[in-house]
PDB file of N, CA and C in Angstrom:
ATOM      1  N   MET A   1      59.519   2.610   1.547  1.00  0.00           N
ATOM      2  CA  MET A   1      59.319   4.043   1.726  1.00  0.00           C
ATOM      3  C   MET A   1      58.445   4.432   2.732  1.00  0.00           C
ATOM      4  N   ASN A   2      58.561   5.205   3.710  1.00  0.00           N
ATOM      5  CA  ASN A   2      57.543   5.414   4.733  1.00  0.00           C
ATOM      6  C   ASN A   2      56.628   6.528   3.921  1.00  0.00           C
ATOM      7  N   GLN A   3      55.405   6.544   4.690  1.00  0.00           N
ATOM      8  CA  GLN A   3      54.253   7.411   4.291  1.00  0.00           C
ATOM      9  C   GLN A   3      54.408   8.831   4.039  1.00  0.00           C
ATOM     10  N   GLN A   4      55.313   9.375   4.921  1.00  0.00           N
ATOM     11  CA  GLN A   4      55.629  10.868   4.906  1.00  0.00           C
ATOM     12  C   GLN A   4      56.577  11.128   3.723  1.00  0.00           C
ATOM     13  N   ILE A   5      57.511  10.205   3.526  1.00  0.00           N
ATOM     14  CA  ILE A   5      58.523  10.399   2.220  1.00  0.00           C
ATOM     15  C   ILE A   5      57.773  10.207   1.017  1.00  0.00           C
ATOM     16  N   ASN A   6      56.757   9.086   1.107  1.00  0.00           N
ATOM     17  CA  ASN A   6      55.895   8.865  -0.238  1.00  0.00           C
ATOM     18  C   ASN A   6      55.105  10.111  -0.621  1.00  0.00           C
ATOM     19  N   ILE A   7      54.505  10.729   0.405  1.00  0.00           N
ATOM     20  CA  ILE A   7      53.528  11.826   0.162  1.00  0.00           C
ATOM     21  C   ILE A   7      54.527  13.054  -0.510  1.00  0.00           C
ATOM     22  N   LYS A   8      55.643  13.102   0.128  1.00  0.00           N
ATOM     23  CA  LYS A   8      56.511  14.380  -0.439  1.00  0.00           C
ATOM     24  C   LYS A   8      56.847  13.944  -1.714  1.00  0.00           C
ATOM     25  N   TYR A   9      57.300  12.786  -1.940  1.00  0.00           N
ATOM     26  CA  TYR A   9      57.835  12.403  -3.342  1.00  0.00           C
ATOM     27  C   TYR A   9      56.744  12.683  -4.436  1.00  0.00           C
ATOM     28  N   GLN A  10      55.455  12.149  -4.003  1.00  0.00           N
ATOM     29  CA  GLN A  10      54.337  12.490  -5.037  1.00  0.00           C
ATOM     30  C   GLN A  10      54.075  13.982  -5.134  1.00  0.00           C
ATOM     31  N   PHE A  11      54.063  14.781  -4.089  1.00  0.00           N
ATOM     32  CA  PHE A  11      53.929  16.178  -4.172  1.00  0.00           C
ATOM     33  C   PHE A  11      54.827  16.771  -5.030  1.00  0.00           C
ATOM     34  N   GLU A  12      56.218  16.339  -4.906  1.00  0.00           N
ATOM     35  CA  GLU A  12      57.247  16.837  -5.783  1.00  0.00           C
ATOM     36  C   GLU A  12      57.229  16.536  -7.201  1.00  0.00           C
ATOM     37  N   ASP A  13      56.692  15.185  -7.330  1.00  0.00           N
ATOM     38  CA  ASP A  13      56.520  14.627  -8.750  1.00  0.00           C
ATOM     39  C   ASP A  13      55.366  15.393  -9.458  1.00  0.00           C
ATOM     40  N   LEU A  14      54.351  15.798  -8.845  1.00  0.00           N
ATOM     41  CA  LEU A  14      53.277  16.489  -9.363  1.00  0.00           C
ATOM     42  C   LEU A  14      53.480  17.919  -9.690  1.00  0.00           C
ATOM     43  N   LYS A  15      54.818  18.493  -9.286  1.00  0.00           N
ATOM     44  CA  LYS A  15      55.200  19.824  -9.735  1.00  0.00           C
ATOM     45  C   LYS A  15      55.551  19.752 -11.212  1.00  0.00           C
ATOM     46  N   CYS A  16      55.929  18.476 -11.693  1.00  0.00           N
ATOM     47  CA  CYS A  16      56.338  18.522 -13.120  1.00  0.00           C
ATOM     48  C   CYS A  16      55.506  17.683 -14.011  1.00  0.00           C
ATOM     49  N   ILE A  17      54.242  18.205 -14.248  1.00  0.00           N
ATOM     50  CA  ILE A  17      53.219  17.702 -15.126  1.00  0.00           C
ATOM     51  C   ILE A  17      53.638  17.754 -16.426  1.00  0.00           C
ATOM     52  N   VAL A  18      53.711  16.656 -17.250  1.00  0.00           N
ATOM     53  CA  VAL A  18      54.049  16.548 -18.521  1.00  0.00           C
ATOM     54  C   VAL A  18      52.753  16.685 -19.467  1.00  0.00           C
ATOM     55  N   LYS A  19      51.614  15.907 -18.972  1.00  0.00           N
ATOM     56  CA  LYS A  19      50.428  15.907 -19.781  1.00  0.00           C
ATOM     57  C   LYS A  19      49.343  15.355 -18.821  1.00  0.00           C
ATOM     58  N   GLU A  20      48.095  15.926 -18.953  1.00  0.00           N
ATOM     59  CA  GLU A  20      47.044  15.484 -18.061  1.00  0.00           C
ATOM     60  C   GLU A  20      45.758  15.634 -18.978  1.00  0.00           C
ATOM     61  N   GLY A  21      44.761  14.865 -18.618  1.00  0.00           N
ATOM     62  CA  GLY A  21      43.434  14.848 -19.335  1.00  0.00           C
ATOM     63  C   GLY A  21      42.534  13.737 -18.962  1.00  0.00           C
ATOM     64  N   TRP A  22      41.346  13.812 -19.252  1.00  0.00           N
ATOM     65  CA  TRP A  22      40.425  12.745 -18.924  1.00  0.00           C
ATOM     66  C   TRP A  22      40.620  11.501 -19.902  1.00  0.00           C
ATOM     67  N   MET A  23      40.116  10.426 -19.237  1.00  0.00           N
ATOM     68  CA  MET A  23      40.244   9.087 -20.076  1.00  0.00           C
ATOM     69  C   MET A  23      39.291   8.137 -19.122  1.00  0.00           C
ATOM     70  N   ASP A  24      38.819   7.043 -19.977  1.00  0.00           N
ATOM     71  CA  ASP A  24      38.120   5.972 -19.127  1.00  0.00           C
ATOM     72  C   ASP A  24      39.022   4.759 -18.854  1.00  0.00           C
ATOM     73  N   LYS A  25      39.096   4.304 -17.618  1.00  0.00           N
ATOM     74  CA  LYS A  25      40.050   3.292 -17.240  1.00  0.00           C
ATOM     75  C   LYS A  25      39.270   2.194 -16.765  1.00  0.00           C
ATOM     76  N   GLN A  26      39.754   0.982 -17.171  1.00  0.00           N
ATOM     77  CA  GLN A  26      39.004  -0.274 -16.822  1.00  0.00           C
ATOM     78  C   GLN A  26      39.522  -0.581 -15.516  1.00  0.00           C
ATOM     79  N   SER A  27      38.666  -0.827 -14.633  1.00  0.00           N
ATOM     80  CA  SER A  27      39.210  -1.309 -13.144  1.00  0.00           C
ATOM     81  C   SER A  27      39.815  -2.739 -13.318  1.00  0.00           C
ATOM     82  N   ARG A  28      40.728  -3.048 -12.411  1.00  0.00           N
ATOM     83  CA  ARG A  28      41.533  -4.099 -12.522  1.00  0.00           C
ATOM     84  C   ARG A  28      40.783  -5.427 -12.285  1.00  0.00           C
ATOM     85  N   PHE A  29      39.901  -5.309 -11.152  1.00  0.00           N
ATOM     86  CA  PHE A  29      39.249  -6.495 -10.686  1.00  0.00           C
ATOM     87  C   PHE A  29      37.892  -6.650 -11.181  1.00  0.00           C
ATOM     88  N   LEU A  30      36.972  -5.656 -11.136  1.00  0.00           N
ATOM     89  CA  LEU A  30      35.738  -5.842 -11.625  1.00  0.00           C
ATOM     90  C   LEU A  30      35.555  -5.686 -13.000  1.00  0.00           C
ATOM     91  N   LYS A  31      36.625  -4.938 -13.768  1.00  0.00           N
ATOM     92  CA  LYS A  31      36.592  -4.690 -15.298  1.00  0.00           C
ATOM     93  C   LYS A  31      35.567  -3.701 -15.594  1.00  0.00           C
ATOM     94  N   LYS A  32      35.065  -2.904 -14.686  1.00  0.00           N
ATOM     95  CA  LYS A  32      34.028  -1.783 -15.030  1.00  0.00           C
ATOM     96  C   LYS A  32      34.993  -0.615 -15.579  1.00  0.00           C
ATOM     97  N   TRP A  33      34.285   0.322 -16.267  1.00  0.00           N
ATOM     98  CA  TRP A  33      35.059   1.480 -16.808  1.00  0.00           C
ATOM     99  C   TRP A  33      34.542   2.687 -15.884  1.00  0.00           C
ATOM    100  N   HIS A  34      35.725   3.468 -15.630  1.00  0.00           N
ATOM    101  CA  HIS A  34      35.500   4.542 -14.794  1.00  0.00           C
ATOM    102  C   HIS A  34      36.177   5.895 -15.441  1.00  0.00           C
ATOM    103  N   LYS A  35      35.603   6.918 -15.278  1.00  0.00           N
ATOM    104  CA  LYS A  35      36.204   8.147 -15.819  1.00  0.00           C
ATOM    105  C   LYS A  35      37.324   8.601 -14.764  1.00  0.00           C
ATOM    106  N   ARG A  36      38.437   8.871 -15.433  1.00  0.00           N
ATOM    107  CA  ARG A  36      39.553   9.098 -14.612  1.00  0.00           C
ATOM    108  C   ARG A  36      40.347  10.411 -15.050  1.00  0.00           C
ATOM    109  N   TRP A  37      40.892  11.069 -14.143  1.00  0.00           N
ATOM    110  CA  TRP A  37      41.703  12.345 -14.527  1.00  0.00           C
ATOM    111  C   TRP A  37      43.156  11.642 -14.607  1.00  0.00           C
ATOM    112  N   ILE A  38      43.803  11.499 -15.693  1.00  0.00           N
ATOM    113  CA  ILE A  38      45.124  10.829 -15.841  1.00  0.00           C
ATOM    114  C   ILE A  38      46.118  12.157 -15.871  1.00  0.00           C
ATOM    115  N   VAL A  39      47.289  11.798 -15.081  1.00  0.00           N
ATOM    116  CA  VAL A  39      48.274  12.864 -14.979  1.00  0.00           C
ATOM    117  C   VAL A  39      49.738  12.111 -15.174  1.00  0.00           C
ATOM    118  N   LEU A  40      50.354  12.543 -16.224  1.00  0.00           N
ATOM    119  CA  LEU A  40      51.662  12.089 -16.501  1.00  0.00           C
ATOM    120  C   LEU A  40      52.532  12.973 -16.194  1.00  0.00           C
ATOM    121  N   THR A  41      53.579  12.643 -15.222  1.00  0.00           N
ATOM    122  CA  THR A  41      54.910  13.395 -14.769  1.00  0.00           C
ATOM    123  C   THR A  41      56.134  12.807 -15.294  1.00  0.00           C
ATOM    124  N   ASN A  42      57.181  13.232 -15.049  1.00  0.00           N
ATOM    125  CA  ASN A  42      58.493  12.734 -15.421  1.00  0.00           C
ATOM    126  C   ASN A  42      58.676  11.219 -15.112  1.00  0.00           C
ATOM    127  N   PHE A  43      58.238  10.804 -13.991  1.00  0.00           N
ATOM    128  CA  PHE A  43      58.551   9.411 -13.398  1.00  0.00           C
ATOM    129  C   PHE A  43      57.206   8.781 -13.201  1.00  0.00           C
ATOM    130  N   THR A  44      55.999   9.241 -13.345  1.00  0.00           N
ATOM    131  CA  THR A  44      54.911   8.492 -12.840  1.00  0.00           C
ATOM    132  C   THR A  44      53.619   8.900 -13.643  1.00  0.00           C
ATOM    133  N   LEU A  45      52.811   7.874 -13.689  1.00  0.00           N
ATOM    134  CA  LEU A  45      51.316   8.092 -14.279  1.00  0.00           C
ATOM    135  C   LEU A  45      50.396   7.805 -13.174  1.00  0.00           C
ATOM    136  N   TYR A  46      49.657   8.748 -12.825  1.00  0.00           N
ATOM    137  CA  TYR A  46      48.573   8.819 -11.830  1.00  0.00           C
ATOM    138  C   TYR A  46      47.275   8.750 -12.474  1.00  0.00           C
ATOM    139  N   THR A  47      46.226   8.289 -11.706  1.00  0.00           N
ATOM    140  CA  THR A  47      44.865   8.381 -12.150  1.00  0.00           C
ATOM    141  C   THR A  47      44.103   8.942 -10.785  1.00  0.00           C
ATOM    142  N   PHE A  48      43.343   9.950 -11.086  1.00  0.00           N
ATOM    143  CA  PHE A  48      42.407  10.427  -9.977  1.00  0.00           C
ATOM    144  C   PHE A  48      40.915  10.529 -10.442  1.00  0.00           C
ATOM    145  N   LYS A  49      40.103  10.602  -9.311  1.00  0.00           N
ATOM    146  CA  LYS A  49      38.740  10.597  -9.722  1.00  0.00           C
ATOM    147  C   LYS A  49      38.190  11.993 -10.018  1.00  0.00           C
ATOM    148  N   LYS A  50      39.114  13.075  -9.734  1.00  0.00           N
ATOM    149  CA  LYS A  50      38.401  14.424  -9.825  1.00  0.00           C
ATOM    150  C   LYS A  50      39.649  15.096 -10.725  1.00  0.00           C
ATOM    151  N   GLN A  51      39.452  15.988 -11.517  1.00  0.00           N
ATOM    152  CA  GLN A  51      40.186  16.932 -12.394  1.00  0.00           C
ATOM    153  C   GLN A  51      40.969  17.728 -11.469  1.00  0.00           C
ATOM    154  N   GLN A  52      42.301  17.833 -11.520  1.00  0.00           N
ATOM    155  CA  GLN A  52      43.219  18.656 -11.073  1.00  0.00           C
ATOM    156  C   GLN A  52      43.066  18.747  -9.403  1.00  0.00           C
ATOM    157  N   GLN A  53      42.792  17.644  -8.895  1.00  0.00           N
ATOM    158  CA  GLN A  53      42.732  17.370  -7.425  1.00  0.00           C
ATOM    159  C   GLN A  53      43.674  16.327  -7.033  1.00  0.00           C
ATOM    160  N   TYR A  54      44.978  16.517  -6.848  1.00  0.00           N
ATOM    161  CA  TYR A  54      46.144  15.697  -6.907  1.00  0.00           C
ATOM    162  C   TYR A  54      46.186  15.096  -5.566  1.00  0.00           C
ATOM    163  N   ASN A  55      45.215  14.487  -4.979  1.00  0.00           N
ATOM    164  CA  ASN A  55      45.429  13.684  -3.847  1.00  0.00           C
ATOM    165  C   ASN A  55      44.628  12.344  -3.797  1.00  0.00           C
ATOM    166  N   ASN A  56      45.049  11.332  -3.239  1.00  0.00           N
ATOM    167  CA  ASN A  56      44.453  10.069  -3.146  1.00  0.00           C
ATOM    168  C   ASN A  56      44.272   9.495  -4.733  1.00  0.00           C
ATOM    169  N   PRO A  57      45.360   9.150  -5.307  1.00  0.00           N
ATOM    170  CA  PRO A  57      45.286   8.592  -6.670  1.00  0.00           C
ATOM    171  C   PRO A  57      44.472   7.258  -6.539  1.00  0.00           C
ATOM    172  N   THR A  58      43.723   6.828  -7.767  1.00  0.00           N
ATOM    173  CA  THR A  58      43.259   5.565  -7.687  1.00  0.00           C
ATOM    174  C   THR A  58      44.259   4.802  -8.267  1.00  0.00           C
ATOM    175  N   GLU A  59      45.173   4.872  -8.855  1.00  0.00           N
ATOM    176  CA  GLU A  59      46.254   4.264  -9.408  1.00  0.00           C
ATOM    177  C   GLU A  59      47.641   5.084  -9.441  1.00  0.00           C
ATOM    178  N   VAL A  60      48.682   4.517  -9.282  1.00  0.00           N
ATOM    179  CA  VAL A  60      50.050   5.009  -9.337  1.00  0.00           C
ATOM    180  C   VAL A  60      50.856   4.169 -10.180  1.00  0.00           C
ATOM    181  N   ILE A  61      51.264   4.468 -11.288  1.00  0.00           N
ATOM    182  CA  ILE A  61      52.195   3.406 -12.080  1.00  0.00           C
ATOM    183  C   ILE A  61      53.486   4.124 -12.359  1.00  0.00           C
ATOM    184  N   ASP A  62      54.535   3.537 -11.735  1.00  0.00           N
ATOM    185  CA  ASP A  62      55.927   4.043 -11.930  1.00  0.00           C
ATOM    186  C   ASP A  62      56.303   3.696 -13.318  1.00  0.00           C
ATOM    187  N   LEU A  63      56.702   4.742 -14.095  1.00  0.00           N
ATOM    188  CA  LEU A  63      57.048   4.699 -15.559  1.00  0.00           C
ATOM    189  C   LEU A  63      58.176   3.601 -15.629  1.00  0.00           C
ATOM    190  N   ASN A  64      58.984   3.422 -14.723  1.00  0.00           N
ATOM    191  CA  ASN A  64      60.238   2.462 -14.830  1.00  0.00           C
ATOM    192  C   ASN A  64      59.564   0.908 -14.919  1.00  0.00           C
ATOM    193  N   GLN A  65      58.378   0.691 -14.338  1.00  0.00           N
ATOM    194  CA  GLN A  65      57.622  -0.571 -14.331  1.00  0.00           C
ATOM    195  C   GLN A  65      57.009  -0.804 -15.727  1.00  0.00           C
ATOM    196  N   ILE A  66      56.869   0.248 -16.614  1.00  0.00           N
ATOM    197  CA  ILE A  66      56.119  -0.170 -17.782  1.00  0.00           C
ATOM    198  C   ILE A  66      56.914  -0.838 -18.891  1.00  0.00           C
ATOM    199  N   VAL A  67      56.393  -1.995 -19.154  1.00  0.00           N
ATOM    200  CA  VAL A  67      57.067  -2.823 -20.283  1.00  0.00           C
ATOM    201  C   VAL A  67      56.680  -2.439 -21.701  1.00  0.00           C
ATOM    202  N   SER A  68      55.483  -2.197 -21.808  1.00  0.00           N
ATOM    203  CA  SER A  68      54.821  -1.550 -23.189  1.00  0.00           C
ATOM    204  C   SER A  68      53.705  -0.783 -23.080  1.00  0.00           C
ATOM    205  N   ILE A  69      53.565   0.055 -24.071  1.00  0.00           N
ATOM    206  CA  ILE A  69      52.301   0.961 -24.275  1.00  0.00           C
ATOM    207  C   ILE A  69      52.120   0.821 -25.779  1.00  0.00           C
ATOM    208  N   LYS A  70      50.862   0.636 -25.863  1.00  0.00           N
ATOM    209  CA  LYS A  70      50.546   0.571 -27.510  1.00  0.00           C
ATOM    210  C   LYS A  70      48.966   0.775 -27.521  1.00  0.00           C
ATOM    211  N   GLN A  71      48.633   0.941 -28.849  1.00  0.00           N
ATOM    212  CA  GLN A  71      46.896   0.956 -29.146  1.00  0.00           C
ATOM    213  C   GLN A  71      46.582  -0.435 -28.820  1.00  0.00           C
ATOM    214  N   ALA A  72      45.386  -0.562 -28.042  1.00  0.00           N
ATOM    215  CA  ALA A  72      44.845  -1.833 -27.787  1.00  0.00           C
ATOM    216  C   ALA A  72      44.075  -2.376 -28.833  1.00  0.00           C
ATOM    217  N   ASP A  73      43.993  -3.426 -29.018  1.00  0.00           N
ATOM    218  CA  ASP A  73      43.217  -4.311 -30.059  1.00  0.00           C
ATOM    219  C   ASP A  73      41.797  -3.852 -29.673  1.00  0.00           C
ATOM    220  N   ASP A  74      41.092  -3.176 -30.864  1.00  0.00           N
ATOM    221  CA  ASP A  74      39.724  -2.699 -30.458  1.00  0.00           C
ATOM    222  C   ASP A  74      38.718  -3.939 -30.379  1.00  0.00           C
ATOM    223  N   HIS A  75      39.070  -5.021 -30.987  1.00  0.00           N
ATOM    224  CA  HIS A  75      38.243  -6.254 -31.106  1.00  0.00           C
ATOM    225  C   HIS A  75      38.198  -6.901 -29.662  1.00  0.00           C
ATOM    226  N   GLU A  76      39.439  -6.870 -29.047  1.00  0.00           N
ATOM    227  CA  GLU A  76      39.650  -7.460 -27.653  1.00  0.00           C
ATOM    228  C   GLU A  76      38.797  -6.712 -26.781  1.00  0.00           C
ATOM    229  N   LEU A  77      38.761  -5.369 -26.621  1.00  0.00           N
ATOM    230  CA  LEU A  77      38.155  -4.508 -25.649  1.00  0.00           C
ATOM    231  C   LEU A  77      36.661  -4.181 -26.108  1.00  0.00           C
ATOM    232  N   GLN A  78      36.590  -4.112 -27.376  1.00  0.00           N
ATOM    233  CA  GLN A  78      35.228  -3.723 -28.027  1.00  0.00           C
ATOM    234  C   GLN A  78      34.977  -2.282 -28.021  1.00  0.00           C
ATOM    235  N   LYS A  79      36.231  -1.511 -27.650  1.00  0.00           N
ATOM    236  CA  LYS A  79      36.191  -0.120 -27.603  1.00  0.00           C
ATOM    237  C   LYS A  79      37.103   0.593 -28.520  1.00  0.00           C
ATOM    238  N   LEU A  80      36.683   1.690 -29.047  1.00  0.00           N
ATOM    239  CA  LEU A  80      37.658   2.477 -29.907  1.00  0.00           C
ATOM    240  C   LEU A  80      38.515   3.275 -29.250  1.00  0.00           C
ATOM    241  N   ASN A  81      39.714   3.599 -29.708  1.00  0.00           N
ATOM    242  CA  ASN A  81      40.592   4.539 -29.189  1.00  0.00           C
ATOM    243  C   ASN A  81      41.147   4.151 -27.717  1.00  0.00           C
ATOM    244  N   SER A  82      41.504   2.954 -27.648  1.00  0.00           N
ATOM    245  CA  SER A  82      42.008   2.225 -26.673  1.00  0.00           C
ATOM    246  C   SER A  82      43.516   2.261 -26.428  1.00  0.00           C
ATOM    247  N   ILE A  83      43.912   2.137 -25.183  1.00  0.00           N
ATOM    248  CA  ILE A  83      45.413   2.176 -24.981  1.00  0.00           C
ATOM    249  C   ILE A  83      45.674   1.090 -24.000  1.00  0.00           C
ATOM    250  N   THR A  84      46.670   0.046 -24.282  1.00  0.00           N
ATOM    251  CA  THR A  84      47.103  -0.869 -23.406  1.00  0.00           C
ATOM    252  C   THR A  84      48.466  -0.458 -22.779  1.00  0.00           C
ATOM    253  N   ILE A  85      48.613  -0.370 -21.460  1.00  0.00           N
ATOM    254  CA  ILE A  85      49.731  -0.222 -20.908  1.00  0.00           C
ATOM    255  C   ILE A  85      49.968  -1.569 -19.951  1.00  0.00           C
ATOM    256  N   GLN A  86      51.167  -2.056 -20.328  1.00  0.00           N
ATOM    257  CA  GLN A  86      51.622  -3.322 -19.521  1.00  0.00           C
ATOM    258  C   GLN A  86      52.796  -3.031 -18.693  1.00  0.00           C
ATOM    259  N   THR A  87      52.677  -3.358 -17.396  1.00  0.00           N
ATOM    260  CA  THR A  87      53.727  -3.335 -16.373  1.00  0.00           C
ATOM    261  C   THR A  87      54.253  -4.602 -16.166  1.00  0.00           C
ATOM    262  N   HIS A  88      55.385  -4.875 -15.271  1.00  0.00           N
ATOM    263  CA  HIS A  88      55.695  -6.151 -14.997  1.00  0.00           C
ATOM    264  C   HIS A  88      54.741  -7.110 -14.268  1.00  0.00           C
ATOM    265  N   ASP A  89      53.623  -6.484 -13.639  1.00  0.00           N
ATOM    266  CA  ASP A  89      52.819  -7.230 -12.992  1.00  0.00           C
ATOM    267  C   ASP A  89      51.258  -7.016 -13.237  1.00  0.00           C
ATOM    268  N   SER A  90      50.950  -5.950 -14.145  1.00  0.00           N
ATOM    269  CA  SER A  90      49.556  -5.683 -14.561  1.00  0.00           C
ATOM    270  C   SER A  90      49.512  -5.140 -15.972  1.00  0.00           C
ATOM    271  N   ILE A  91      48.114  -5.278 -16.324  1.00  0.00           N
ATOM    272  CA  ILE A  91      47.884  -4.468 -17.644  1.00  0.00           C
ATOM    273  C   ILE A  91      46.639  -3.599 -17.456  1.00  0.00           C
ATOM    274  N   PHE A  92      46.883  -2.322 -17.902  1.00  0.00           N
ATOM    275  CA  PHE A  92      45.985  -1.216 -17.694  1.00  0.00           C
ATOM    276  C   PHE A  92      45.427  -1.036 -19.010  1.00  0.00           C
ATOM    277  N   TYR A  93      43.976  -0.797 -19.062  1.00  0.00           N
ATOM    278  CA  TYR A  93      43.266  -0.567 -20.449  1.00  0.00           C
ATOM    279  C   TYR A  93      42.747   1.026 -20.040  1.00  0.00           C
ATOM    280  N   LEU A  94      42.958   2.000 -21.070  1.00  0.00           N
ATOM    281  CA  LEU A  94      42.414   3.267 -21.027  1.00  0.00           C
ATOM    282  C   LEU A  94      41.673   3.573 -22.446  1.00  0.00           C
ATOM    283  N   ILE A  95      40.847   4.483 -22.426  1.00  0.00           N
ATOM    284  CA  ILE A  95      40.137   4.826 -23.605  1.00  0.00           C
ATOM    285  C   ILE A  95      40.207   6.347 -23.536  1.00  0.00           C
ATOM    286  N   VAL A  96      40.500   6.904 -24.774  1.00  0.00           N
ATOM    287  CA  VAL A  96      40.587   8.354 -24.932  1.00  0.00           C
ATOM    288  C   VAL A  96      39.380   8.624 -25.807  1.00  0.00           C
ATOM    289  N   GLN A  97      39.264  10.017 -26.183  1.00  0.00           N
ATOM    290  CA  GLN A  97      38.147  10.633 -26.849  1.00  0.00           C
ATOM    291  C   GLN A  97      38.173  10.352 -28.209  1.00  0.00           C
ATOM    292  N   ASP A  98      39.363  10.304 -28.814  1.00  0.00           N
ATOM    293  CA  ASP A  98      39.518  10.191 -30.351  1.00  0.00           C
ATOM    294  C   ASP A  98      40.811   9.562 -30.644  1.00  0.00           C
ATOM    295  N   GLU A  99      41.159   9.259 -31.921  1.00  0.00           N
ATOM    296  CA  GLU A  99      42.326   8.716 -32.381  1.00  0.00           C
ATOM    297  C   GLU A  99      43.524   9.602 -32.139  1.00  0.00           C
ATOM    298  N   GLN A 100      43.271  10.925 -32.425  1.00  0.00           N
ATOM    299  CA  GLN A 100      44.380  11.872 -32.298  1.00  0.00           C
ATOM    300  C   GLN A 100      44.966  11.967 -30.803  1.00  0.00           C
ATOM    301  N   GLN A 101      43.922  11.935 -29.813  1.00  0.00           N
ATOM    302  CA  GLN A 101      44.522  11.869 -28.389  1.00  0.00           C
ATOM    303  C   GLN A 101      45.122  10.442 -28.107  1.00  0.00           C
ATOM    304  N   GLN A 102      44.786   9.291 -28.734  1.00  0.00           N
ATOM    305  CA  GLN A 102      45.265   8.191 -28.532  1.00  0.00           C
ATOM    306  C   GLN A 102      46.813   8.060 -28.851  1.00  0.00           C
ATOM    307  N   GLN A 103      47.078   8.729 -30.188  1.00  0.00           N
ATOM    308  CA  GLN A 103      48.405   8.758 -30.662  1.00  0.00           C
ATOM    309  C   GLN A 103      49.185   9.689 -29.671  1.00  0.00           C
ATOM    310  N   GLN A 104      48.723  10.953 -29.321  1.00  0.00           N
ATOM    311  CA  GLN A 104      49.428  11.931 -28.473  1.00  0.00           C
ATOM    312  C   GLN A 104      49.795  11.085 -27.099  1.00  0.00           C
ATOM    313  N   TRP A 105      48.828  10.447 -26.537  1.00  0.00           N
ATOM    314  CA  TRP A 105      49.128   9.889 -25.135  1.00  0.00           C
ATOM    315  C   TRP A 105      50.230   8.751 -25.420  1.00  0.00           C
ATOM    316  N   ILE A 106      49.998   8.023 -26.249  1.00  0.00           N
ATOM    317  CA  ILE A 106      51.072   6.890 -26.517  1.00  0.00           C
ATOM    318  C   ILE A 106      52.494   7.459 -26.849  1.00  0.00           C
ATOM    319  N   SER A 107      52.248   8.534 -27.702  1.00  0.00           N
ATOM    320  CA  SER A 107      53.691   9.069 -28.197  1.00  0.00           C
ATOM    321  C   SER A 107      54.423   9.750 -26.877  1.00  0.00           C
ATOM    322  N   ILE A 108      53.574  10.521 -26.049  1.00  0.00           N
ATOM    323  CA  ILE A 108      54.372  11.313 -25.089  1.00  0.00           C
ATOM    324  C   ILE A 108      54.685  10.296 -23.976  1.00  0.00           C
ATOM    325  N   ILE A 109      53.869   9.407 -23.626  1.00  0.00           N
ATOM    326  CA  ILE A 109      54.259   8.251 -22.596  1.00  0.00           C
ATOM    327  C   ILE A 109      55.618   7.524 -23.052  1.00  0.00           C
ATOM    328  N   SER A 110      55.541   7.178 -24.325  1.00  0.00           N
ATOM    329  CA  SER A 110      56.696   6.400 -24.986  1.00  0.00           C
ATOM    330  C   SER A 110      57.864   7.574 -24.829  1.00  0.00           C
ATOM    331  N   SER A 111      57.825   8.650 -25.085  1.00  0.00           N
ATOM    332  CA  SER A 111      58.813   9.801 -25.020  1.00  0.00           C
ATOM    333  C   SER A 111      59.480   9.733 -23.573  1.00  0.00           C
ATOM    334  N   GLN A 112      58.616   9.789 -22.559  1.00  0.00           N
ATOM    335  CA  GLN A 112      59.036   9.657 -21.229  1.00  0.00           C
ATOM    336  C   GLN A 112      59.849   8.536 -20.744  1.00  0.00           C
ATOM    337  N   LEU A 113      59.085   7.346 -21.395  1.00  0.00           N
ATOM    338  CA  LEU A 113      60.010   6.237 -21.088  1.00  0.00           C
ATOM    339  C   LEU A 113      61.360   6.159 -21.553  1.00  0.00           C
ATOM    340  N   LEU A 114      61.572   6.726 -22.790  1.00  0.00           N
ATOM    341  CA  LEU A 114      62.806   6.786 -23.332  1.00  0.00           C
ATOM    342  C   LEU A 114      63.775   7.631 -22.812  1.00  0.00           C
ATOM    343  N   LYS A 115      63.228   8.773 -22.283  1.00  0.00           N
ATOM    344  CA  LYS A 115      64.096   9.778 -21.411  1.00  0.00           C
ATOM    345  C   LYS A 115      64.499   9.196 -20.155  1.00  0.00           C
ATOM    346  N   LEU A 116      63.621   8.479 -19.500  1.00  0.00           N
ATOM    347  CA  LEU A 116      64.080   7.712 -18.224  1.00  0.00           C
ATOM    348  C   LEU A 116      65.148   6.466 -18.411  1.00  0.00           C
ATOM    349  N   LYS A 117      64.978   5.866 -19.594  1.00  0.00           N
ATOM    350  CA  LYS A 117      66.016   4.709 -19.902  1.00  0.00           C
ATOM    351  C   LYS A 117      67.328   5.351 -20.220  1.00  0.00           C
ATOM    352  N   ASN A 118      67.414   6.586 -20.852  1.00  0.00           N
ATOM    353  CA  ASN A 118      68.493   7.303 -21.225  1.00  0.00           C
ATOM    354  C   ASN A 118      69.204   7.720 -19.775  1.00  0.00           C
ATOM    355  N   GLN A 119      68.427   8.317 -19.002  1.00  0.00           N
ATOM    356  CA  GLN A 119      68.831   8.877 -17.590  1.00  0.00           C
ATOM    357  C   GLN A 119      69.745   7.659 -16.895  1.00  0.00           C
ATOM    358  N   ILE A 120      69.017   6.638 -17.068  1.00  0.00           N
ATOM    359  CA  ILE A 120      69.500   5.477 -16.199  1.00  0.00           C
ATOM    360  C   ILE A 120      70.804   4.951 -16.739  1.00  0.00           C
ATOM    361  N   LYS A 121      70.879   4.979 -18.163  1.00  0.00           N
ATOM    362  CA  LYS A 121      72.087   4.599 -18.653  1.00  0.00           C
ATOM    363  C   LYS A 121      73.296   5.614 -18.351  1.00  0.00           C
ATOM    364  N   LEU A 122      72.889   6.853 -18.361  1.00  0.00           N
ATOM    365  CA  LEU A 122      73.820   7.974 -18.062  1.00  0.00           C
ATOM    366  C   LEU A 122      74.507   7.914 -16.718  1.00  0.00           C
ATOM    367  N   GLN A 123      73.635   7.447 -15.880  1.00  0.00           N
ATOM    368  CA  GLN A 123      73.996   7.208 -14.412  1.00  0.00           C
ATOM    369  C   GLN A 123      74.880   5.949 -14.134  1.00  0.00           C
ATOM    370  N   GLN A 124      74.936   4.940 -15.155  1.00  0.00           N
ATOM    371  CA  GLN A 124      75.571   3.785 -14.877  1.00  0.00           C
ATOM    372  C   GLN A 124      76.915   3.969 -15.344  1.00  0.00           C
TER     373      GLN A 124
END
């Protein structure tokens, strides 16, 4: 996909925000924790450095690439209210403020994944 089409796609996708909010995200390589503005759309999960500034995402996760989303093992991360998102080629760790937000995010992302799978089935 060329850069102009990709930018337009992201812009159009961000018109349909399903949920957004602050989380801590572990960096993939250095494993440090960074505060990120997380945005869930119908097709994508984005992370940004600043609240409601939808440019230059630090991460773009295509929902079709997500294999599983679940509560992270607190002992593994040594953090409470953690979420693990596994894609075909990566694992992302997120931390929310409390258990209620943890369950809300897991539920709504799971719901979006189910909607996408059902749309794909209908198209076939």
